[in-house]
Structure formats: structure tokens, C-alpha cells
PDB file of N, CA and C in Angstrom:
ATOM      1  N   MET A   1       8.650   9.906 -40.946  1.00  0.00           N
ATOM      2  CA  MET A   1       9.630  10.836 -40.473  1.00  0.00           C
ATOM      3  C   MET A   1      10.662  10.587 -40.486  1.00  0.00           C
ATOM      4  N   SER A   2      11.612  11.506 -41.105  1.00  0.00           N
ATOM      5  CA  SER A   2      12.939  10.898 -42.058  1.00  0.00           C
ATOM      6  C   SER A   2      14.106  11.288 -41.234  1.00  0.00           C
ATOM      7  N   ALA A   3      14.919  10.743 -41.074  1.00  0.00           N
ATOM      8  CA  ALA A   3      15.902  10.721 -40.026  1.00  0.00           C
ATOM      9  C   ALA A   3      16.767  11.620 -39.705  1.00  0.00           C
ATOM     10  N   SER A   4      16.770  12.785 -40.605  1.00  0.00           N
ATOM     11  CA  SER A   4      17.242  14.354 -40.026  1.00  0.00           C
ATOM     12  C   SER A   4      16.490  14.441 -39.229  1.00  0.00           C
ATOM     13  N   GLN A   5      15.350  14.142 -39.339  1.00  0.00           N
ATOM     14  CA  GLN A   5      13.798  15.346 -38.846  1.00  0.00           C
ATOM     15  C   GLN A   5      13.783  14.277 -37.411  1.00  0.00           C
ATOM     16  N   LYS A   6      13.815  12.991 -37.375  1.00  0.00           N
ATOM     17  CA  LYS A   6      13.831  12.802 -36.312  1.00  0.00           C
ATOM     18  C   LYS A   6      15.557  13.117 -35.070  1.00  0.00           C
ATOM     19  N   VAL A   7      16.517  12.907 -35.856  1.00  0.00           N
ATOM     20  CA  VAL A   7      17.861  13.944 -35.174  1.00  0.00           C
ATOM     21  C   VAL A   7      17.353  15.427 -34.718  1.00  0.00           C
ATOM     22  N   ALA A   8      17.125  16.237 -35.753  1.00  0.00           N
ATOM     23  CA  ALA A   8      16.856  17.611 -35.190  1.00  0.00           C
ATOM     24  C   ALA A   8      15.477  17.257 -34.019  1.00  0.00           C
ATOM     25  N   LYS A   9      14.181  16.584 -34.455  1.00  0.00           N
ATOM     26  CA  LYS A   9      13.922  16.641 -32.450  1.00  0.00           C
ATOM     27  C   LYS A   9      14.250  16.587 -32.083  1.00  0.00           C
ATOM     28  N   LYS A  10      15.643  15.337 -31.771  1.00  0.00           N
ATOM     29  CA  LYS A  10      15.966  14.528 -30.652  1.00  0.00           C
ATOM     30  C   LYS A  10      17.258  16.056 -30.192  1.00  0.00           C
ATOM     31  N   SER A  11      17.688  16.510 -31.111  1.00  0.00           N
ATOM     32  CA  SER A  11      18.400  17.551 -30.747  1.00  0.00           C
ATOM     33  C   SER A  11      17.972  18.797 -30.258  1.00  0.00           C
ATOM     34  N   ALA A  12      16.862  19.558 -30.663  1.00  0.00           N
ATOM     35  CA  ALA A  12      16.281  20.050 -29.915  1.00  0.00           C
ATOM     36  C   ALA A  12      15.601  20.161 -28.848  1.00  0.00           C
ATOM     37  N   SER A  13      15.243  19.431 -28.346  1.00  0.00           N
ATOM     38  CA  SER A  13      14.320  18.648 -27.207  1.00  0.00           C
ATOM     39  C   SER A  13      15.987  18.419 -26.014  1.00  0.00           C
ATOM     40  N   ALA A  14      16.868  18.414 -26.806  1.00  0.00           N
ATOM     41  CA  ALA A  14      17.854  17.552 -25.348  1.00  0.00           C
ATOM     42  C   ALA A  14      18.502  18.662 -24.828  1.00  0.00           C
ATOM     43  N   ASP A  15      19.183  18.435 -23.253  1.00  0.00           N
ATOM     44  CA  ASP A  15      19.456  18.782 -22.369  1.00  0.00           C
ATOM     45  C   ASP A  15      20.898  19.856 -23.012  1.00  0.00           C
ATOM     46  N   PRO A  16      20.596  20.817 -22.774  1.00  0.00           N
ATOM     47  CA  PRO A  16      21.910  21.733 -23.977  1.00  0.00           C
ATOM     48  C   PRO A  16      23.143  21.525 -23.115  1.00  0.00           C
ATOM     49  N   GLY A  17      23.331  20.664 -22.180  1.00  0.00           N
ATOM     50  CA  GLY A  17      25.067  20.414 -21.637  1.00  0.00           C
ATOM     51  C   GLY A  17      25.590  21.940 -20.877  1.00  0.00           C
ATOM     52  N   ASN A  18      26.439  22.106 -21.034  1.00  0.00           N
ATOM     53  CA  ASN A  18      27.825  22.855 -20.380  1.00  0.00           C
ATOM     54  C   ASN A  18      27.238  24.050 -21.118  1.00  0.00           C
ATOM     55  N   PRO A  19      26.821  24.904 -20.491  1.00  0.00           N
ATOM     56  CA  PRO A  19      26.806  26.551 -20.900  1.00  0.00           C
ATOM     57  C   PRO A  19      28.391  27.485 -20.901  1.00  0.00           C
ATOM     58  N   TYR A  20      29.544  26.557 -20.372  1.00  0.00           N
ATOM     59  CA  TYR A  20      30.317  27.227 -20.627  1.00  0.00           C
ATOM     60  C   TYR A  20      31.058  26.920 -21.672  1.00  0.00           C
ATOM     61  N   LEU A  21      31.129  25.695 -21.991  1.00  0.00           N
ATOM     62  CA  LEU A  21      31.106  24.753 -23.419  1.00  0.00           C
ATOM     63  C   LEU A  21      30.770  25.710 -25.249  1.00  0.00           C
ATOM     64  N   TRP A  22      29.110  25.866 -24.398  1.00  0.00           N
ATOM     65  CA  TRP A  22      28.700  26.265 -25.974  1.00  0.00           C
ATOM     66  C   TRP A  22      29.072  27.502 -25.496  1.00  0.00           C
ATOM     67  N   ILE A  23      29.559  28.946 -25.028  1.00  0.00           N
ATOM     68  CA  ILE A  23      30.027  30.116 -24.903  1.00  0.00           C
ATOM     69  C   ILE A  23      31.712  30.147 -25.701  1.00  0.00           C
ATOM     70  N   LEU A  24      31.849  28.748 -24.998  1.00  0.00           N
ATOM     71  CA  LEU A  24      32.902  28.614 -26.181  1.00  0.00           C
ATOM     72  C   LEU A  24      33.112  28.594 -27.839  1.00  0.00           C
ATOM     73  N   VAL A  25      31.862  27.391 -27.978  1.00  0.00           N
ATOM     74  CA  VAL A  25      31.561  27.243 -29.105  1.00  0.00           C
ATOM     75  C   VAL A  25      31.579  28.523 -29.974  1.00  0.00           C
ATOM     76  N   TYR A  26      30.216  29.397 -29.432  1.00  0.00           N
ATOM     77  CA  TYR A  26      29.753  30.410 -29.583  1.00  0.00           C
ATOM     78  C   TYR A  26      31.368  31.601 -29.907  1.00  0.00           C
ATOM     79  N   ILE A  27      31.994  32.126 -29.111  1.00  0.00           N
ATOM     80  CA  ILE A  27      33.507  32.831 -29.376  1.00  0.00           C
ATOM     81  C   ILE A  27      34.538  31.947 -30.599  1.00  0.00           C
ATOM     82  N   PHE A  28      34.186  30.445 -30.891  1.00  0.00           N
ATOM     83  CA  PHE A  28      34.924  30.171 -31.468  1.00  0.00           C
ATOM     84  C   PHE A  28      34.135  30.680 -33.300  1.00  0.00           C
ATOM     85  N   MET A  29      32.889  30.367 -33.290  1.00  0.00           N
ATOM     86  CA  MET A  29      31.846  30.292 -34.308  1.00  0.00           C
ATOM     87  C   MET A  29      31.890  32.305 -34.594  1.00  0.00           C
ATOM     88  N   GLY A  30      32.122  32.977 -33.918  1.00  0.00           N
ATOM     89  CA  GLY A  30      32.107  34.310 -33.563  1.00  0.00           C
ATOM     90  C   GLY A  30      34.015  34.890 -34.495  1.00  0.00           C
ATOM     91  N   THR A  31      34.920  34.571 -34.051  1.00  0.00           N
ATOM     92  CA  THR A  31      36.071  34.479 -34.267  1.00  0.00           C
ATOM     93  C   THR A  31      36.096  33.629 -36.406  1.00  0.00           C
ATOM     94  N   ILE A  32      35.744  32.775 -36.404  1.00  0.00           N
ATOM     95  CA  ILE A  32      35.556  32.340 -38.177  1.00  0.00           C
ATOM     96  C   ILE A  32      34.968  33.374 -38.345  1.00  0.00           C
ATOM     97  N   ALA A  33      33.630  33.778 -38.440  1.00  0.00           N
ATOM     98  CA  ALA A  33      32.733  34.528 -39.082  1.00  0.00           C
ATOM     99  C   ALA A  33      33.541  36.324 -39.036  1.00  0.00           C
ATOM    100  N   GLY A  34      34.360  36.561 -38.566  1.00  0.00           N
ATOM    101  CA  GLY A  34      34.805  37.881 -38.103  1.00  0.00           C
ATOM    102  C   GLY A  34      35.461  37.441 -38.699  1.00  0.00           C
ATOM    103  N   PHE A  35      36.855  37.161 -38.533  1.00  0.00           N
ATOM    104  CA  PHE A  35      38.062  36.511 -39.849  1.00  0.00           C
ATOM    105  C   PHE A  35      37.568  36.441 -41.442  1.00  0.00           C
ATOM    106  N   VAL A  36      36.011  35.695 -41.402  1.00  0.00           N
ATOM    107  CA  VAL A  36      36.021  35.619 -43.041  1.00  0.00           C
ATOM    108  C   VAL A  36      35.156  36.864 -43.474  1.00  0.00           C
ATOM    109  N   SER A  37      34.230  37.567 -42.659  1.00  0.00           N
ATOM    110  CA  SER A  37      34.011  38.894 -42.955  1.00  0.00           C
ATOM    111  C   SER A  37      34.983  39.995 -42.874  1.00  0.00           C
ATOM    112  N   VAL A  38      35.859  40.206 -42.110  1.00  0.00           N
ATOM    113  CA  VAL A  38      37.165  40.514 -42.670  1.00  0.00           C
ATOM    114  C   VAL A  38      37.933  40.549 -43.963  1.00  0.00           C
ATOM    115  N   TRP A  39      37.953  38.928 -44.440  1.00  0.00           N
ATOM    116  CA  TRP A  39      38.552  38.747 -45.828  1.00  0.00           C
ATOM    117  C   TRP A  39      37.872  38.969 -46.883  1.00  0.00           C
ATOM    118  N   ILE A  40      36.118  39.162 -46.511  1.00  0.00           N
ATOM    119  CA  ILE A  40      35.102  39.501 -47.900  1.00  0.00           C
ATOM    120  C   ILE A  40      35.143  40.903 -47.826  1.00  0.00           C
ATOM    121  N   VAL A  41      35.052  41.369 -46.892  1.00  0.00           N
ATOM    122  CA  VAL A  41      34.357  42.869 -46.807  1.00  0.00           C
ATOM    123  C   VAL A  41      35.751  43.384 -45.634  1.00  0.00           C
ATOM    124  N   PRO A  42      36.923  44.080 -46.494  1.00  0.00           N
ATOM    125  CA  PRO A  42      38.361  44.427 -45.679  1.00  0.00           C
ATOM    126  C   PRO A  42      38.356  45.424 -45.309  1.00  0.00           C
ATOM    127  N   ILE A  43      37.063  46.769 -45.236  1.00  0.00           N
ATOM    128  CA  ILE A  43      36.996  47.770 -45.152  1.00  0.00           C
ATOM    129  C   ILE A  43      35.988  48.291 -44.001  1.00  0.00           C
ATOM    130  N   HIS A  44      36.342  49.297 -42.875  1.00  0.00           N
ATOM    131  CA  HIS A  44      34.864  49.326 -42.197  1.00  0.00           C
ATOM    132  C   HIS A  44      34.308  50.274 -42.762  1.00  0.00           C
ATOM    133  N   TRP A  45      32.842  49.992 -42.138  1.00  0.00           N
ATOM    134  CA  TRP A  45      31.783  50.552 -43.520  1.00  0.00           C
ATOM    135  C   TRP A  45      31.162  51.354 -42.406  1.00  0.00           C
ATOM    136  N   LEU A  46      31.860  51.826 -41.655  1.00  0.00           N
ATOM    137  CA  LEU A  46      31.471  53.311 -40.588  1.00  0.00           C
ATOM    138  C   LEU A  46      33.031  54.005 -40.926  1.00  0.00           C
ATOM    139  N   GLY A  47      33.219  55.153 -41.001  1.00  0.00           N
ATOM    140  CA  GLY A  47      33.670  56.171 -40.951  1.00  0.00           C
ATOM    141  C   GLY A  47      34.567  56.549 -39.987  1.00  0.00           C
ATOM    142  N   SER A  48      33.437  57.235 -39.185  1.00  0.00           N
ATOM    143  CA  SER A  48      34.044  57.934 -37.579  1.00  0.00           C
ATOM    144  C   SER A  48      34.381  56.469 -36.552  1.00  0.00           C
ATOM    145  N   PRO A  49      35.958  56.765 -35.946  1.00  0.00           N
ATOM    146  CA  PRO A  49      36.321  55.782 -35.320  1.00  0.00           C
ATOM    147  C   PRO A  49      35.441  55.597 -33.925  1.00  0.00           C
ATOM    148  N   THR A  50      35.094  57.166 -33.185  1.00  0.00           N
ATOM    149  CA  THR A  50      33.460  56.560 -32.526  1.00  0.00           C
ATOM    150  C   THR A  50      32.180  55.891 -32.549  1.00  0.00           C
ATOM    151  N   MET A  51      31.952  55.950 -34.257  1.00  0.00           N
ATOM    152  CA  MET A  51      30.601  55.272 -34.410  1.00  0.00           C
ATOM    153  C   MET A  51      30.846  53.845 -34.330  1.00  0.00           C
ATOM    154  N   ARG A  52      32.122  53.373 -34.712  1.00  0.00           N
ATOM    155  CA  ARG A  52      32.920  52.062 -34.534  1.00  0.00           C
ATOM    156  C   ARG A  52      32.735  51.494 -33.599  1.00  0.00           C
ATOM    157  N   LEU A  53      33.597  52.284 -32.556  1.00  0.00           N
ATOM    158  CA  LEU A  53      33.628  52.025 -31.261  1.00  0.00           C
ATOM    159  C   LEU A  53      31.495  51.702 -30.443  1.00  0.00           C
ATOM    160  N   ALA A  54      31.223  52.588 -31.321  1.00  0.00           N
ATOM    161  CA  ALA A  54      29.616  52.287 -30.439  1.00  0.00           C
ATOM    162  C   ALA A  54      28.671  51.265 -30.747  1.00  0.00           C
ATOM    163  N   ASN A  55      29.495  51.154 -32.237  1.00  0.00           N
ATOM    164  CA  ASN A  55      28.776  49.806 -33.084  1.00  0.00           C
ATOM    165  C   ASN A  55      29.587  48.756 -32.272  1.00  0.00           C
ATOM    166  N   LEU A  56      30.315  48.734 -32.080  1.00  0.00           N
ATOM    167  CA  LEU A  56      31.035  47.435 -30.878  1.00  0.00           C
ATOM    168  C   LEU A  56      30.087  47.499 -29.890  1.00  0.00           C
ATOM    169  N   ALA A  57      29.881  48.776 -29.126  1.00  0.00           N
ATOM    170  CA  ALA A  57      28.859  48.334 -27.959  1.00  0.00           C
ATOM    171  C   ALA A  57      27.388  47.535 -27.682  1.00  0.00           C
ATOM    172  N   VAL A  58      26.841  48.205 -29.226  1.00  0.00           N
ATOM    173  CA  VAL A  58      24.868  48.460 -29.786  1.00  0.00           C
ATOM    174  C   VAL A  58      25.065  46.997 -29.843  1.00  0.00           C
ATOM    175  N   THR A  59      25.535  46.890 -31.211  1.00  0.00           N
ATOM    176  CA  THR A  59      25.367  45.749 -31.876  1.00  0.00           C
ATOM    177  C   THR A  59      24.937  44.457 -31.150  1.00  0.00           C
ATOM    178  N   PRO A  60      26.095  43.491 -30.676  1.00  0.00           N
ATOM    179  CA  PRO A  60      25.925  42.886 -29.359  1.00  0.00           C
ATOM    180  C   PRO A  60      24.524  42.655 -28.466  1.00  0.00           C
ATOM    181  N   ILE A  61      24.292  43.495 -27.960  1.00  0.00           N
ATOM    182  CA  ILE A  61      23.189  43.809 -26.790  1.00  0.00           C
ATOM    183  C   ILE A  61      22.147  43.849 -27.999  1.00  0.00           C
ATOM    184  N   VAL A  62      22.466  43.948 -29.372  1.00  0.00           N
ATOM    185  CA  VAL A  62      20.534  44.084 -30.180  1.00  0.00           C
ATOM    186  C   VAL A  62      20.415  42.545 -31.006  1.00  0.00           C
ATOM    187  N   LEU A  63      21.681  41.781 -30.736  1.00  0.00           N
ATOM    188  CA  LEU A  63      21.740  40.987 -31.444  1.00  0.00           C
ATOM    189  C   LEU A  63      21.488  39.573 -30.071  1.00  0.00           C
ATOM    190  N   GLY A  64      21.476  40.303 -29.067  1.00  0.00           N
ATOM    191  CA  GLY A  64      21.578  39.532 -27.856  1.00  0.00           C
ATOM    192  C   GLY A  64      20.232  39.055 -27.283  1.00  0.00           C
ATOM    193  N   LEU A  65      19.387  40.582 -27.629  1.00  0.00           N
ATOM    194  CA  LEU A  65      18.206  40.893 -27.331  1.00  0.00           C
ATOM    195  C   LEU A  65      17.380  40.407 -28.927  1.00  0.00           C
ATOM    196  N   VAL A  66      17.963  40.291 -29.761  1.00  0.00           N
ATOM    197  CA  VAL A  66      16.955  39.291 -30.980  1.00  0.00           C
ATOM    198  C   VAL A  66      16.750  37.965 -30.428  1.00  0.00           C
ATOM    199  N   PHE A  67      18.146  37.103 -30.061  1.00  0.00           N
ATOM    200  CA  PHE A  67      17.771  35.802 -29.997  1.00  0.00           C
ATOM    201  C   PHE A  67      17.294  35.220 -28.816  1.00  0.00           C
ATOM    202  N   GLU A  68      17.019  36.140 -27.908  1.00  0.00           N
ATOM    203  CA  GLU A  68      16.068  35.727 -26.647  1.00  0.00           C
ATOM    204  C   GLU A  68      14.796  36.187 -27.368  1.00  0.00           C
ATOM    205  N   TRP A  69      14.327  37.242 -28.087  1.00  0.00           N
ATOM    206  CA  TRP A  69      13.431  36.993 -28.753  1.00  0.00           C
ATOM    207  C   TRP A  69      12.748  36.175 -29.106  1.00  0.00           C
ATOM    208  N   LEU A  70      13.438  35.674 -30.237  1.00  0.00           N
ATOM    209  CA  LEU A  70      12.948  34.354 -31.082  1.00  0.00           C
ATOM    210  C   LEU A  70      13.071  32.956 -29.928  1.00  0.00           C
ATOM    211  N   GLY A  71      13.853  32.996 -28.980  1.00  0.00           N
ATOM    212  CA  GLY A  71      13.202  31.993 -28.264  1.00  0.00           C
ATOM    213  C   GLY A  71      11.836  31.873 -27.554  1.00  0.00           C
ATOM    214  N   ARG A  72      11.866  33.026 -27.008  1.00  0.00           N
ATOM    215  CA  ARG A  72      10.233  33.174 -26.369  1.00  0.00           C
ATOM    216  C   ARG A  72       9.089  32.889 -27.319  1.00  0.00           C
ATOM    217  N   TRP A  73       9.471  34.055 -28.697  1.00  0.00           N
ATOM    218  CA  TRP A  73       8.162  33.853 -29.728  1.00  0.00           C
ATOM    219  C   TRP A  73       8.048  32.482 -29.952  1.00  0.00           C
ATOM    220  N   ARG A  74       9.471  31.224 -30.186  1.00  0.00           N
ATOM    221  CA  ARG A  74       9.231  30.101 -30.760  1.00  0.00           C
ATOM    222  C   ARG A  74       8.855  29.490 -29.507  1.00  0.00           C
ATOM    223  N   SER A  75       8.963  29.316 -28.039  1.00  0.00           N
ATOM    224  CA  SER A  75       8.320  29.169 -26.727  1.00  0.00           C
ATOM    225  C   SER A  75       7.145  29.203 -26.474  1.00  0.00           C
ATOM    226  N   LYS A  76       6.422  30.671 -27.470  1.00  0.00           N
ATOM    227  CA  LYS A  76       5.163  30.711 -26.759  1.00  0.00           C
ATOM    228  C   LYS A  76       4.103  29.612 -28.490  1.00  0.00           C
ATOM    229  N   LYS A  77       5.319  29.750 -28.963  1.00  0.00           N
ATOM    230  CA  LYS A  77       4.495  29.233 -30.423  1.00  0.00           C
ATOM    231  C   LYS A  77       4.918  27.327 -30.155  1.00  0.00           C
ATOM    232  N   HIS A  78       5.123  27.057 -29.359  1.00  0.00           N
ATOM    233  CA  HIS A  78       4.820  25.507 -28.721  1.00  0.00           C
ATOM    234  C   HIS A  78       6.053  24.460 -29.395  1.00  0.00           C
ATOM    235  N   LYS A  79       7.306  25.660 -30.231  1.00  0.00           N
ATOM    236  CA  LYS A  79       8.138  25.270 -31.056  1.00  0.00           C
ATOM    237  C   LYS A  79       9.192  25.145 -29.611  1.00  0.00           C
ATOM    238  N   SER A  80      10.174  23.711 -30.321  1.00  0.00           N
ATOM    239  CA  SER A  80      11.241  23.651 -29.203  1.00  0.00           C
ATOM    240  C   SER A  80      12.376  24.515 -29.623  1.00  0.00           C
ATOM    241  N   GLU A  81      13.143  25.379 -28.077  1.00  0.00           N
ATOM    242  CA  GLU A  81      14.237  26.000 -27.787  1.00  0.00           C
ATOM    243  C   GLU A  81      15.135  25.422 -28.566  1.00  0.00           C
ATOM    244  N   TYR A  82      16.253  26.292 -29.247  1.00  0.00           N
ATOM    245  CA  TYR A  82      17.406  25.563 -29.152  1.00  0.00           C
ATOM    246  C   TYR A  82      18.276  26.571 -27.822  1.00  0.00           C
ATOM    247  N   VAL A  83      19.837  26.146 -28.620  1.00  0.00           N
ATOM    248  CA  VAL A  83      20.508  26.660 -27.729  1.00  0.00           C
ATOM    249  C   VAL A  83      20.763  27.931 -28.108  1.00  0.00           C
ATOM    250  N   VAL A  84      20.866  28.332 -29.524  1.00  0.00           N
ATOM    251  CA  VAL A  84      21.145  29.439 -29.304  1.00  0.00           C
ATOM    252  C   VAL A  84      19.728  30.538 -29.463  1.00  0.00           C
ATOM    253  N   ASP A  85      18.550  30.500 -28.394  1.00  0.00           N
ATOM    254  CA  ASP A  85      17.548  31.029 -28.815  1.00  0.00           C
ATOM    255  C   ASP A  85      18.404  31.527 -26.958  1.00  0.00           C
ATOM    256  N   GLN A  86      19.133  32.317 -26.599  1.00  0.00           N
ATOM    257  CA  GLN A  86      19.084  32.807 -25.419  1.00  0.00           C
ATOM    258  C   GLN A  86      20.554  34.307 -25.459  1.00  0.00           C
ATOM    259  N   PHE A  87      19.750  35.024 -24.551  1.00  0.00           N
ATOM    260  CA  PHE A  87      20.795  36.032 -24.923  1.00  0.00           C
ATOM    261  C   PHE A  87      22.410  36.579 -24.821  1.00  0.00           C
ATOM    262  N   SER A  88      22.734  35.990 -24.119  1.00  0.00           N
ATOM    263  CA  SER A  88      24.447  35.331 -23.795  1.00  0.00           C
ATOM    264  C   SER A  88      24.826  34.849 -24.759  1.00  0.00           C
ATOM    265  N   TYR A  89      24.518  33.777 -25.857  1.00  0.00           N
ATOM    266  CA  TYR A  89      24.946  33.442 -26.723  1.00  0.00           C
ATOM    267  C   TYR A  89      25.492  34.205 -28.236  1.00  0.00           C
ATOM    268  N   GLY A  90      24.200  35.223 -27.719  1.00  0.00           N
ATOM    269  CA  GLY A  90      24.084  36.075 -29.608  1.00  0.00           C
ATOM    270  C   GLY A  90      24.734  37.081 -29.461  1.00  0.00           C
ATOM    271  N   PHE A  91      25.142  37.474 -27.709  1.00  0.00           N
ATOM    272  CA  PHE A  91      26.190  38.872 -27.570  1.00  0.00           C
ATOM    273  C   PHE A  91      27.238  38.238 -27.631  1.00  0.00           C
ATOM    274  N   THR A  92      27.360  37.182 -26.931  1.00  0.00           N
ATOM    275  CA  THR A  92      29.347  35.931 -26.639  1.00  0.00           C
ATOM    276  C   THR A  92      29.503  36.195 -28.296  1.00  0.00           C
ATOM    277  N   PHE A  93      28.610  35.512 -29.658  1.00  0.00           N
ATOM    278  CA  PHE A  93      28.638  35.864 -31.173  1.00  0.00           C
ATOM    279  C   PHE A  93      28.846  36.907 -31.228  1.00  0.00           C
ATOM    280  N   ALA A  94      28.239  37.753 -31.565  1.00  0.00           N
ATOM    281  CA  ALA A  94      28.360  39.518 -31.997  1.00  0.00           C
ATOM    282  C   ALA A  94      29.621  39.578 -31.426  1.00  0.00           C
ATOM    283  N   LEU A  95      29.659  39.457 -30.053  1.00  0.00           N
ATOM    284  CA  LEU A  95      30.583  40.517 -29.260  1.00  0.00           C
ATOM    285  C   LEU A  95      32.402  40.452 -30.148  1.00  0.00           C
ATOM    286  N   THR A  96      32.329  38.876 -30.434  1.00  0.00           N
ATOM    287  CA  THR A  96      33.783  38.115 -30.728  1.00  0.00           C
ATOM    288  C   THR A  96      33.942  38.399 -32.018  1.00  0.00           C
ATOM    289  N   MET A  97      32.664  38.713 -33.501  1.00  0.00           N
ATOM    290  CA  MET A  97      32.888  38.762 -34.314  1.00  0.00           C
ATOM    291  C   MET A  97      33.060  40.247 -34.797  1.00  0.00           C
ATOM    292  N   GLY A  98      32.462  41.791 -33.755  1.00  0.00           N
ATOM    293  CA  GLY A  98      32.657  42.295 -34.060  1.00  0.00           C
ATOM    294  C   GLY A  98      34.346  42.920 -33.044  1.00  0.00           C
ATOM    295  N   MET A  99      34.734  42.344 -32.326  1.00  0.00           N
ATOM    296  CA  MET A  99      36.071  42.773 -31.961  1.00  0.00           C
ATOM    297  C   MET A  99      37.036  42.179 -33.066  1.00  0.00           C
ATOM    298  N   ILE A 100      36.629  41.008 -33.299  1.00  0.00           N
ATOM    299  CA  ILE A 100      37.534  40.379 -34.429  1.00  0.00           C
ATOM    300  C   ILE A 100      37.753  41.809 -35.734  1.00  0.00           C
ATOM    301  N   ARG A 101      36.314  42.518 -36.047  1.00  0.00           N
ATOM    302  CA  ARG A 101      36.794  42.951 -37.264  1.00  0.00           C
ATOM    303  C   ARG A 101      37.051  44.322 -36.613  1.00  0.00           C
ATOM    304  N   TYR A 102      36.987  44.753 -35.472  1.00  0.00           N
ATOM    305  CA  TYR A 102      37.697  45.858 -35.026  1.00  0.00           C
ATOM    306  C   TYR A 102      38.676  46.403 -34.920  1.00  0.00           C
ATOM    307  N   PHE A 103      39.471  44.895 -34.616  1.00  0.00           N
ATOM    308  CA  PHE A 103      40.950  45.142 -34.395  1.00  0.00           C
ATOM    309  C   PHE A 103      41.623  44.811 -35.861  1.00  0.00           C
ATOM    310  N   ALA A 104      41.312  43.959 -36.336  1.00  0.00           N
ATOM    311  CA  ALA A 104      41.422  43.265 -37.770  1.00  0.00           C
ATOM    312  C   ALA A 104      41.960  43.954 -39.136  1.00  0.00           C
ATOM    313  N   ILE A 105      40.964  45.141 -38.990  1.00  0.00           N
ATOM    314  CA  ILE A 105      41.228  46.252 -39.694  1.00  0.00           C
ATOM    315  C   ILE A 105      41.346  47.220 -39.211  1.00  0.00           C
ATOM    316  N   GLY A 106      41.748  47.317 -38.003  1.00  0.00           N
ATOM    317  CA  GLY A 106      42.822  48.858 -37.936  1.00  0.00           C
ATOM    318  C   GLY A 106      41.638  50.556 -37.694  1.00  0.00           C
TER     319      GLY A 106
END
């Protein structure tokens, strides 16, 4: 087993730590991803302001559900769960990124 595999195995099985700290980490990552996405694609993909607002409400819920589903799927397959395998972290990341895009582009 290589050193990177040992570290990955240890971090996957380790206690996730303080959930409030992880929320801040996902807010930070969502902010960075939002600004990078605005820099790469500086336009709205949806023309209607109503659709953009609906997207801001729906997408974080969908991504949170996908992360939750992945966590359950991984646990059924007897694989280690990661911190990202929770609804709240996926929701937080997507909401932060969506808000950056929504307000930065205008």
C-alpha cells in the first residue's frame, strides 16, 4: 500500500471534526468556485430573472440531495464516507456558488 493510499484511508475513516468549521470550508470553496465560474463564463445561462432566482433556490437542494445519495450509496457498498457525503455541505457549497454568480453578474 502506497503512502497516499494510507493517508486517504486514514482521512476517510477519521472523525470529521467540527461541523461548523466544515461549513466555513464549503462556504470558502463555493465562493472561490463562484468567482472562477464568473471569470470563465461572465453571462447568465438563463435569460429570465425569475428562472435565475428559481435556479438559485432549486440547484442547492438538488446538489445537497445528490451528495446525500452518494453518501448512502457509498455506505451500502461498504466504502468509507467522506465529509462531503452530507446534504448540508453540498447545499452550502452550491448556494454560495450560486449567490456569487447571481449577484456578481447582476
